[in-house]
């Protein structure tokens, strides 16, 4: 059987931002995916648990985001794993 770990290479892309135009278009992401933790790990937003930071990142909930992961797939292998 052929298997691929889908944890590596995942990215978080911002499709549309309502407030912050300084947000990078694409950043590395983790699986399972969480927009706030992926942004926090890249130091793009402040810690939500400190002070009034949660209100400072409300723009995220108004943004359209997309998680993406590219991987190779061999179409010559059928669903049972044989060629």
C-alpha atoms as a PDB file:
ATOM      1  CA  UNK A   1       0.000   0.000   0.000  1.00  0.00           C
ATOM      2  CA  UNK A   2       1.169   3.506  -0.796  1.00  0.00           C
ATOM      3  CA  UNK A   3       0.557   6.174   1.823  1.00  0.00           C
ATOM      4  CA  UNK A   4       1.246   9.882   2.041  1.00  0.00           C
ATOM      5  CA  UNK A   5       1.291  11.998   5.177  1.00  0.00           C
ATOM      6  CA  UNK A   6      -0.829  15.056   4.531  1.00  0.00           C
ATOM      7  CA  UNK A   7       0.573  17.117   7.402  1.00  0.00           C
ATOM      8  CA  UNK A   8       3.540  18.632   5.571  1.00  0.00           C
ATOM      9  CA  UNK A   9       3.315  21.454   3.057  1.00  0.00           C
ATOM     10  CA  UNK A  10      -0.121  22.782   4.007  1.00  0.00           C
ATOM     11  CA  UNK A  11      -0.564  26.528   3.463  1.00  0.00           C
ATOM     12  CA  UNK A  12      -3.115  29.117   4.544  1.00  0.00           C
ATOM     13  CA  UNK A  13      -4.002  31.659   1.900  1.00  0.00           C
ATOM     14  CA  UNK A  14      -6.049  34.807   2.284  1.00  0.00           C
ATOM     15  CA  UNK A  15      -8.498  35.178  -0.568  1.00  0.00           C
ATOM     16  CA  UNK A  16     -10.130  38.412   0.542  1.00  0.00           C
ATOM     17  CA  UNK A  17      -9.300  40.690   3.456  1.00  0.00           C
ATOM     18  CA  UNK A  18     -11.672  43.396   4.619  1.00  0.00           C
ATOM     19  CA  UNK A  19      -9.325  45.408   6.834  1.00  0.00           C
ATOM     20  CA  UNK A  20      -5.665  44.393   6.898  1.00  0.00           C
ATOM     21  CA  UNK A  21      -3.918  44.812   3.556  1.00  0.00           C
ATOM     22  CA  UNK A  22      -0.554  43.956   5.173  1.00  0.00           C
ATOM     23  CA  UNK A  23      -1.499  40.306   5.680  1.00  0.00           C
ATOM     24  CA  UNK A  24       0.722  37.966   3.634  1.00  0.00           C
ATOM     25  CA  UNK A  25      -1.158  36.205   0.844  1.00  0.00           C
ATOM     26  CA  UNK A  26       0.070  32.773   1.915  1.00  0.00           C
ATOM     27  CA  UNK A  27       1.720  31.355   5.058  1.00  0.00           C
ATOM     28  CA  UNK A  28       2.649  27.854   6.231  1.00  0.00           C
ATOM     29  CA  UNK A  29      -0.153  26.057   8.068  1.00  0.00           C
ATOM     30  CA  UNK A  30      -0.516  23.049  10.331  1.00  0.00           C
ATOM     31  CA  UNK A  31      -2.927  20.131  10.349  1.00  0.00           C
ATOM     32  CA  UNK A  32      -5.444  20.210  11.909  1.00  0.00           C
ATOM     33  CA  UNK A  33      -5.927  23.703  10.553  1.00  0.00           C
ATOM     34  CA  UNK A  34      -6.914  26.718  12.619  1.00  0.00           C
ATOM     35  CA  UNK A  35      -6.728  30.208  11.129  1.00  0.00           C
ATOM     36  CA  UNK A  36      -5.907  31.960  14.399  1.00  0.00           C
ATOM     37  CA  UNK A  37      -3.187  29.540  15.529  1.00  0.00           C
ATOM     38  CA  UNK A  38      -1.577  29.495  12.087  1.00  0.00           C
ATOM     39  CA  UNK A  39      -1.468  33.308  12.084  1.00  0.00           C
ATOM     40  CA  UNK A  40      -0.228  33.415  15.681  1.00  0.00           C
ATOM     41  CA  UNK A  41       2.606  30.949  14.974  1.00  0.00           C
ATOM     42  CA  UNK A  42       3.855  33.293  12.219  1.00  0.00           C
ATOM     43  CA  UNK A  43       3.679  36.322  14.564  1.00  0.00           C
ATOM     44  CA  UNK A  44       1.068  37.904  12.284  1.00  0.00           C
ATOM     45  CA  UNK A  45      -1.469  38.511  15.048  1.00  0.00           C
ATOM     46  CA  UNK A  46      -1.161  39.156  18.793  1.00  0.00           C
ATOM     47  CA  UNK A  47      -1.970  36.499  21.412  1.00  0.00           C
ATOM     48  CA  UNK A  48      -5.767  36.415  21.717  1.00  0.00           C
ATOM     49  CA  UNK A  49      -5.614  35.679  25.455  1.00  0.00           C
ATOM     50  CA  UNK A  50      -3.745  38.853  26.354  1.00  0.00           C
ATOM     51  CA  UNK A  51      -5.296  42.220  27.045  1.00  0.00           C
ATOM     52  CA  UNK A  52      -7.877  43.253  24.409  1.00  0.00           C
ATOM     53  CA  UNK A  53      -6.126  41.484  21.550  1.00  0.00           C
ATOM     54  CA  UNK A  54      -9.173  39.436  20.610  1.00  0.00           C
ATOM     55  CA  UNK A  55     -10.963  42.565  19.431  1.00  0.00           C
ATOM     56  CA  UNK A  56      -7.887  43.564  17.397  1.00  0.00           C
ATOM     57  CA  UNK A  57      -8.158  40.463  15.202  1.00  0.00           C
ATOM     58  CA  UNK A  58     -11.884  40.467  14.484  1.00  0.00           C
ATOM     59  CA  UNK A  59     -10.988  41.186  10.846  1.00  0.00           C
ATOM     60  CA  UNK A  60     -10.064  37.495  10.491  1.00  0.00           C
ATOM     61  CA  UNK A  61     -13.671  36.359  10.790  1.00  0.00           C
ATOM     62  CA  UNK A  62     -14.578  38.713   7.937  1.00  0.00           C
ATOM     63  CA  UNK A  63     -11.835  37.376   5.669  1.00  0.00           C
ATOM     64  CA  UNK A  64     -12.078  34.553   3.176  1.00  0.00           C
ATOM     65  CA  UNK A  65      -9.262  32.048   3.593  1.00  0.00           C
ATOM     66  CA  UNK A  66      -8.267  28.845   1.874  1.00  0.00           C
ATOM     67  CA  UNK A  67      -6.143  25.949   3.044  1.00  0.00           C
ATOM     68  CA  UNK A  68      -4.136  24.257   0.334  1.00  0.00           C
ATOM     69  CA  UNK A  69      -2.004  21.139   0.104  1.00  0.00           C
ATOM     70  CA  UNK A  70      -0.371  19.808  -3.038  1.00  0.00           C
ATOM     71  CA  UNK A  71       0.788  16.210  -3.288  1.00  0.00           C
ATOM     72  CA  UNK A  72       1.653  13.705  -5.992  1.00  0.00           C
ATOM     73  CA  UNK A  73      -0.925  11.127  -6.997  1.00  0.00           C
ATOM     74  CA  UNK A  74      -0.166   8.201  -9.296  1.00  0.00           C
ATOM     75  CA  UNK A  75      -3.310   7.597 -11.347  1.00  0.00           C
ATOM     76  CA  UNK A  76      -1.816   4.270 -12.525  1.00  0.00           C
ATOM     77  CA  UNK A  77      -2.465   2.780  -9.084  1.00  0.00           C
ATOM     78  CA  UNK A  78      -6.024   1.585  -8.541  1.00  0.00           C
ATOM     79  CA  UNK A  79      -7.953   1.893  -5.305  1.00  0.00           C
ATOM     80  CA  UNK A  80      -6.617  -1.451  -4.005  1.00  0.00           C
ATOM     81  CA  UNK A  81      -3.039  -0.260  -4.350  1.00  0.00           C
ATOM     82  CA  UNK A  82      -1.954  -2.472  -7.250  1.00  0.00           C
ATOM     83  CA  UNK A  83      -0.804  -1.277 -10.671  1.00  0.00           C
END
